[in-house]
Amino acid sequence: MLYKQWLDEWLESTVRPLRKFRTYQHYSDVVRRLIGPNLGGYDMADLTAPVLQDFSAQMLQRYSPNSVCCIIGILKQSLRLAELAGAVETQFTTRITYPRRREKEVDCFTQSEQRKIEQYVISKKSPKYYGILLCLYTGLRVGELVALEWSDIDFKKGFLYVTQNCHDTWENGHYKKLMDTPKTRASQRIIPIPYSLMPYIHEMKRRSHGNFVVSGPDGKGVSIRSYQRTFQLMLERLKISHKGIHSLRHTFATRAVECGMDVKTLSEILGHTDPAITLRRYVHSLPDHKCDMMNMLGNNFLYM
């Protein structure tokens, strides 16, 4: 059997019914653009360790180590199942050497940049822009933010319930908002809303004309790409250097660490499956905070 035949079968019979639709789309895209054109013409029995390692080396010339690890991961899943299903006698993915992953840089806003953003958002008095405040003070992912409905907010208790996620999918020449369940079980979570934020959420509710917390003037929910564009235009107007909208989540986590929030609590609020992820990614400080902490330590010097 040719590998491309097995890939088609694997995607449709295993990935599509058992994984999230977004995962299926991602795997299909990687197979169509990268794995299929390079390895699809091979007979399954000919996918030896040198062939697979050579493919990995080719990918590393074009993509980052993190991206190549994801590509190899998809390759391994398909071939391991092929071995279990008897489509190939032996598969050699265990002999592929993974490139060393690099931890992504945490890109967050300085405190002065954050104040500029907050002042701008408040001056706009728009339910759409107030979503930026929610990200800065709850750590929501953008997909969780634009999927948030008013029924997910308990105004009496001051809790926010993350029950949905969404992503954009390309359909009939334009991006369509596709609702889905959260990324992982840990992503389904309850987040206490800071008291200082509640007046703005109440104002969002009064101005809202639809079910979604973040909405346009017509009351309809917004797509992720639309919200990303709104965010980037805001940064341009404020003359703040370009950062992705995910930086709002990074900023929340960094401020939380700086104000002394423990890692276990922060991990649960962020919806991480393992506090080690939070430790590895967020427990660092900006230069100004490091200076403040070192000067506090220096106050113990006896001869001051």
Protein backbone atom coordinates (compact mmCIF):
# COMPACT_ATOMS: atom_id res chain seq x y z
CA MET A 1 0.00 0.00 0.00
CA LEU A 2 1.24 3.49 -0.81
CA TYR A 3 1.64 5.75 2.19
CA LYS A 4 -0.65 8.42 0.70
CA GLN A 5 -3.48 5.86 0.57
CA TRP A 6 -2.98 5.02 4.21
CA LEU A 7 -2.83 8.71 5.15
CA ASP A 8 -6.22 9.35 3.52
CA GLU A 9 -7.71 6.37 5.31
CA TRP A 10 -6.17 7.33 8.65
CA LEU A 11 -7.41 10.93 8.45
CA GLU A 12 -10.98 9.99 7.59
CA SER A 13 -11.46 6.86 9.71
CA THR A 14 -9.45 7.77 12.81
CA VAL A 15 -8.62 11.47 13.11
CA ARG A 16 -11.88 12.96 11.86
CA PRO A 17 -14.28 11.00 14.10
CA LEU A 18 -12.06 10.93 17.20
CA ARG A 19 -10.32 14.31 17.34
CA LYS A 20 -11.52 17.89 17.37
CA PHE A 21 -12.43 19.26 13.95
CA ARG A 22 -9.69 21.87 14.23
CA THR A 23 -7.13 19.10 14.86
CA TYR A 24 -8.43 17.22 11.83
CA GLN A 25 -8.08 20.39 9.72
CA HIS A 26 -4.52 20.93 10.97
CA TYR A 27 -3.45 17.33 10.35
CA SER A 28 -5.05 17.35 6.89
CA ASP A 29 -3.22 20.56 6.01
CA VAL A 30 0.17 19.16 7.13
CA VAL A 31 -0.46 15.93 5.20
CA ARG A 32 -1.56 17.80 2.06
CA ARG A 33 1.29 20.32 2.01
CA LEU A 34 4.24 18.47 3.53
CA ILE A 35 3.98 14.78 4.35
CA GLY A 36 2.03 13.69 1.26
CA PRO A 37 4.20 15.40 -1.40
CA ASN A 38 7.44 14.17 0.21
CA LEU A 39 6.55 10.67 1.44
CA GLY A 40 3.14 9.82 -0.01
CA GLY A 41 4.57 8.08 -3.06
CA TYR A 42 6.54 5.57 -0.99
CA ASP A 43 5.33 2.05 -0.39
CA MET A 44 4.69 1.66 3.33
CA ALA A 45 7.43 -0.95 3.67
CA ASP A 46 9.97 1.47 2.17
CA LEU A 47 9.54 4.13 4.86
CA THR A 48 12.80 3.16 6.57
CA ALA A 49 14.60 5.07 9.31
CA PRO A 50 17.00 6.86 6.89
CA VAL A 51 14.08 7.96 4.68
CA LEU A 52 12.17 9.36 7.65
CA GLN A 53 15.23 11.03 9.15
CA ASP A 54 16.04 12.64 5.78
CA PHE A 55 12.47 13.99 5.65
CA SER A 56 12.91 15.44 9.14
CA ALA A 57 16.16 17.13 8.07
CA GLN A 58 14.46 18.63 5.00
CA MET A 59 11.67 20.04 7.15
CA LEU A 60 14.19 21.55 9.57
CA GLN A 61 15.69 23.57 6.71
CA ARG A 62 12.31 25.23 6.13
CA TYR A 63 10.59 25.35 9.50
CA SER A 64 11.34 25.99 13.17
CA PRO A 65 12.27 23.07 15.47
CA ASN A 66 8.88 23.37 17.21
CA SER A 67 7.02 23.13 13.90
CA VAL A 68 9.13 20.15 12.79
CA CYS A 69 8.38 18.35 16.06
CA CYS A 70 4.67 18.78 15.34
CA ILE A 71 5.10 17.46 11.78
CA ILE A 72 7.02 14.41 13.03
CA GLY A 73 4.35 13.88 15.69
CA ILE A 74 1.68 13.57 12.99
CA LEU A 75 3.93 11.24 11.00
CA LYS A 76 4.47 9.03 14.04
CA GLN A 77 0.77 8.82 14.90
CA SER A 78 -0.15 7.66 11.42
CA LEU A 79 2.61 5.05 11.16
CA ARG A 80 2.17 3.65 14.67
CA LEU A 81 -1.49 2.99 13.94
CA ALA A 82 -0.50 1.48 10.59
CA GLU A 83 1.68 -1.02 12.45
CA LEU A 84 -1.09 -1.81 14.95
CA ALA A 85 -3.59 -2.26 12.10
CA GLY A 86 -1.22 -4.56 10.20
CA ALA A 87 -0.85 -2.16 7.25
CA VAL A 88 2.92 -2.33 7.70
CA GLU A 89 4.97 -5.00 9.43
CA THR A 90 7.44 -2.61 11.09
CA GLN A 91 7.50 1.15 11.35
CA PHE A 92 10.65 3.11 12.15
CA THR A 93 9.43 6.37 13.66
CA THR A 94 11.01 5.49 17.03
CA ARG A 95 14.38 5.98 15.33
CA ILE A 96 13.71 9.55 14.23
CA THR A 97 15.72 12.10 16.20
CA TYR A 98 13.57 15.04 17.18
CA PRO A 99 15.08 18.52 16.84
CA ARG A 100 15.46 20.28 20.15
CA ARG A 101 12.36 22.31 20.95
CA ARG A 102 12.76 25.94 21.89
CA GLU A 103 10.51 27.37 24.56
CA LYS A 104 8.54 30.21 23.02
CA GLU A 105 9.48 33.69 24.14
CA VAL A 106 6.82 35.20 26.38
CA ASP A 107 5.96 38.50 24.75
CA CYS A 108 4.07 40.78 27.12
CA PHE A 109 3.34 44.46 27.53
CA THR A 110 5.19 46.67 29.98
CA GLN A 111 3.15 48.27 32.74
CA SER A 112 3.23 51.64 30.97
CA GLU A 113 2.03 50.04 27.72
CA GLN A 114 -0.71 48.24 29.62
CA ARG A 115 -1.90 51.52 31.14
CA LYS A 116 -2.05 53.11 27.66
CA ILE A 117 -4.12 50.20 26.39
CA GLU A 118 -6.49 50.31 29.36
CA GLN A 119 -7.02 54.09 29.02
CA TYR A 120 -7.73 53.72 25.31
CA VAL A 121 -10.20 50.86 25.85
CA ILE A 122 -12.08 52.73 28.56
CA SER A 123 -12.28 55.88 26.41
CA LYS A 124 -13.86 53.88 23.55
CA LYS A 125 -16.77 52.71 25.76
CA SER A 126 -17.39 49.86 23.36
CA PRO A 127 -18.38 46.26 24.31
CA LYS A 128 -16.02 45.06 21.61
CA TYR A 129 -12.99 46.83 23.09
CA TYR A 130 -13.84 45.93 26.69
CA GLY A 131 -12.98 42.36 25.74
CA ILE A 132 -9.33 43.45 25.83
CA LEU A 133 -9.75 44.30 29.52
CA LEU A 134 -11.19 40.84 30.12
CA CYS A 135 -8.09 39.23 28.58
CA LEU A 136 -5.74 41.44 30.59
CA TYR A 137 -7.43 40.55 33.89
CA THR A 138 -8.60 36.96 33.40
CA GLY A 139 -6.00 35.49 31.03
CA LEU A 140 -8.58 34.26 28.50
CA ARG A 141 -7.39 32.96 25.15
CA VAL A 142 -8.82 34.96 22.25
CA GLY A 143 -10.86 31.95 21.08
CA GLU A 144 -12.35 31.67 24.57
CA LEU A 145 -13.08 35.40 24.67
CA VAL A 146 -15.02 35.64 21.41
CA ALA A 147 -16.92 32.43 22.31
CA LEU A 148 -17.98 33.85 25.68
CA GLU A 149 -21.73 34.34 26.11
CA TRP A 150 -23.58 36.31 28.78
CA SER A 151 -24.89 33.06 30.23
CA ASP A 152 -21.24 32.22 31.06
CA ILE A 153 -20.98 35.12 33.53
CA ASP A 154 -22.43 34.93 37.04
CA PHE A 155 -22.90 38.60 38.00
CA LYS A 156 -23.91 37.79 41.58
CA LYS A 157 -20.86 35.69 42.41
CA GLY A 158 -18.49 37.51 40.05
CA PHE A 159 -17.45 34.32 38.26
CA LEU A 160 -16.69 33.69 34.61
CA TYR A 161 -17.25 30.17 33.25
CA VAL A 162 -15.10 29.01 30.34
CA THR A 163 -17.30 26.43 28.61
CA GLN A 164 -16.60 27.08 24.93
CA ASN A 165 -13.81 27.90 22.53
CA CYS A 166 -13.93 28.84 18.89
CA HIS A 167 -11.70 29.25 15.86
CA ASP A 168 -12.02 30.63 12.37
CA THR A 169 -12.47 28.31 9.43
CA TRP A 170 -12.29 29.28 5.74
CA GLU A 171 -15.59 28.61 4.00
CA ASN A 172 -17.07 29.91 0.73
CA GLY A 173 -14.49 32.65 0.34
CA HIS A 174 -14.57 34.06 3.85
CA TYR A 175 -13.73 33.18 7.45
CA LYS A 176 -16.49 31.65 9.51
CA LYS A 177 -16.62 31.42 13.30
CA LEU A 178 -16.73 27.78 14.38
CA MET A 179 -17.73 27.03 17.99
CA ASP A 180 -16.06 24.13 19.79
CA THR A 181 -15.38 22.72 23.23
CA PRO A 182 -12.32 24.04 25.13
CA LYS A 183 -8.84 22.80 24.24
CA THR A 184 -8.51 20.38 27.17
CA ARG A 185 -10.46 19.35 30.27
CA ALA A 186 -8.38 21.83 32.29
CA SER A 187 -9.48 24.59 29.90
CA GLN A 188 -13.04 24.22 31.19
CA ARG A 189 -12.66 26.38 34.25
CA ILE A 190 -14.15 28.97 36.58
CA ILE A 191 -12.36 32.32 36.82
CA PRO A 192 -13.11 34.83 39.59
CA ILE A 193 -13.46 38.30 38.05
CA PRO A 194 -11.59 41.12 39.85
CA TYR A 195 -14.03 43.49 41.61
CA SER A 196 -12.53 46.48 39.78
CA LEU A 197 -13.55 44.98 36.45
CA MET A 198 -17.20 44.32 37.27
CA PRO A 199 -18.50 47.87 36.53
CA TYR A 200 -17.13 47.60 32.98
CA ILE A 201 -18.68 44.16 32.50
CA HIS A 202 -22.03 45.55 33.66
CA GLU A 203 -21.60 48.37 31.12
CA MET A 204 -20.78 45.82 28.42
CA LYS A 205 -24.01 44.02 29.28
CA ARG A 206 -26.08 47.21 29.14
CA ARG A 207 -24.69 48.13 25.71
CA SER A 208 -24.92 44.60 24.33
CA HIS A 209 -27.60 43.65 21.80
CA GLY A 210 -26.80 39.95 21.50
CA ASN A 211 -25.79 36.78 23.33
CA PHE A 212 -22.02 37.18 22.94
CA VAL A 213 -20.03 39.22 25.46
CA VAL A 214 -17.81 40.60 22.70
CA SER A 215 -19.93 41.84 19.83
CA GLY A 216 -20.10 44.45 17.13
CA PRO A 217 -22.66 47.27 16.84
CA ASP A 218 -25.14 44.82 15.28
CA GLY A 219 -25.01 42.61 18.37
CA LYS A 220 -23.48 39.71 16.49
CA GLY A 221 -20.38 37.92 17.71
CA VAL A 222 -17.04 38.66 16.08
CA SER A 223 -14.54 36.31 14.45
CA ILE A 224 -11.03 35.82 15.80
CA ARG A 225 -9.44 37.46 12.76
CA SER A 226 -11.72 40.46 13.04
CA TYR A 227 -10.80 40.88 16.70
CA GLN A 228 -7.09 40.45 15.96
CA ARG A 229 -7.38 43.22 13.38
CA THR A 230 -9.14 45.50 15.87
CA PHE A 231 -6.34 44.83 18.36
CA GLN A 232 -3.57 45.57 15.87
CA LEU A 233 -5.20 48.84 14.76
CA MET A 234 -5.37 49.88 18.41
CA LEU A 235 -1.65 49.21 18.90
CA GLU A 236 -0.85 51.25 15.79
CA ARG A 237 -2.87 54.20 17.06
CA LEU A 238 -1.14 53.99 20.44
CA LYS A 239 2.29 53.63 18.75
CA ILE A 240 2.99 50.44 20.69
CA SER A 241 5.25 47.92 18.96
CA HIS A 242 3.52 45.00 17.27
CA LYS A 243 2.56 42.07 19.49
CA GLY A 244 0.04 39.31 18.85
CA ILE A 245 -3.24 39.35 20.74
CA HIS A 246 -2.05 36.31 22.72
CA SER A 247 0.32 38.78 24.44
CA LEU A 248 -2.66 39.91 26.50
CA ARG A 249 -2.73 36.44 28.10
CA HIS A 250 1.05 36.54 28.61
CA THR A 251 0.70 39.99 30.20
CA PHE A 252 -1.96 38.74 32.61
CA ALA A 253 0.26 35.82 33.67
CA THR A 254 3.33 38.05 34.09
CA ARG A 255 1.44 40.63 36.19
CA ALA A 256 -0.01 37.79 38.29
CA VAL A 257 3.46 36.45 39.07
CA GLU A 258 4.73 39.96 39.79
CA CYS A 259 1.95 40.59 42.32
CA GLY A 260 2.75 37.31 44.10
CA MET A 261 0.09 34.89 42.82
CA ASP A 262 1.13 31.29 43.48
CA VAL A 263 1.83 29.11 40.46
CA LYS A 264 -0.88 26.51 41.24
CA THR A 265 -3.62 29.16 41.30
CA LEU A 266 -2.27 30.83 38.17
CA SER A 267 -2.08 27.49 36.39
CA GLU A 268 -5.74 26.74 37.13
CA ILE A 269 -6.88 30.21 36.02
CA LEU A 270 -4.94 29.88 32.77
CA GLY A 271 -6.37 26.40 32.16
CA HIS A 272 -3.03 24.62 31.95
CA THR A 273 -3.06 20.83 32.34
CA ASP A 274 0.19 20.93 34.32
CA PRO A 275 1.57 23.70 36.61
CA ALA A 276 5.00 22.88 35.17
CA ILE A 277 3.87 24.53 31.93
CA THR A 278 3.11 27.70 33.88
CA LEU A 279 6.44 27.55 35.69
CA ARG A 280 8.42 27.03 32.51
CA ARG A 281 6.63 29.64 30.46
CA TYR A 282 5.66 32.44 32.82
CA VAL A 283 7.72 32.48 35.99
CA HIS A 284 10.13 35.12 34.81
CA SER A 285 10.26 38.85 35.36
CA LEU A 286 10.59 41.98 33.32
CA PRO A 287 13.79 44.05 33.91
CA ASP A 288 12.04 46.76 35.99
CA HIS A 289 10.53 44.16 38.29
CA LYS A 290 13.89 42.43 38.70
CA CYS A 291 15.46 45.75 39.69
CA ASP A 292 12.72 46.38 42.27
CA MET A 293 13.13 42.90 43.75
CA MET A 294 16.94 43.21 43.93
CA ASN A 295 16.70 46.63 45.57
CA MET A 296 14.26 45.23 48.15
CA LEU A 297 16.83 42.52 48.88
CA GLY A 298 19.52 45.19 49.11
CA ASN A 299 17.59 46.91 51.88
CA ASN A 300 18.88 44.17 54.17
CA PHE A 301 22.46 45.42 53.76
CA LEU A 302 23.69 46.32 57.22
CA TYR A 303 25.90 49.25 56.22
CA MET A 304 23.35 51.35 54.36
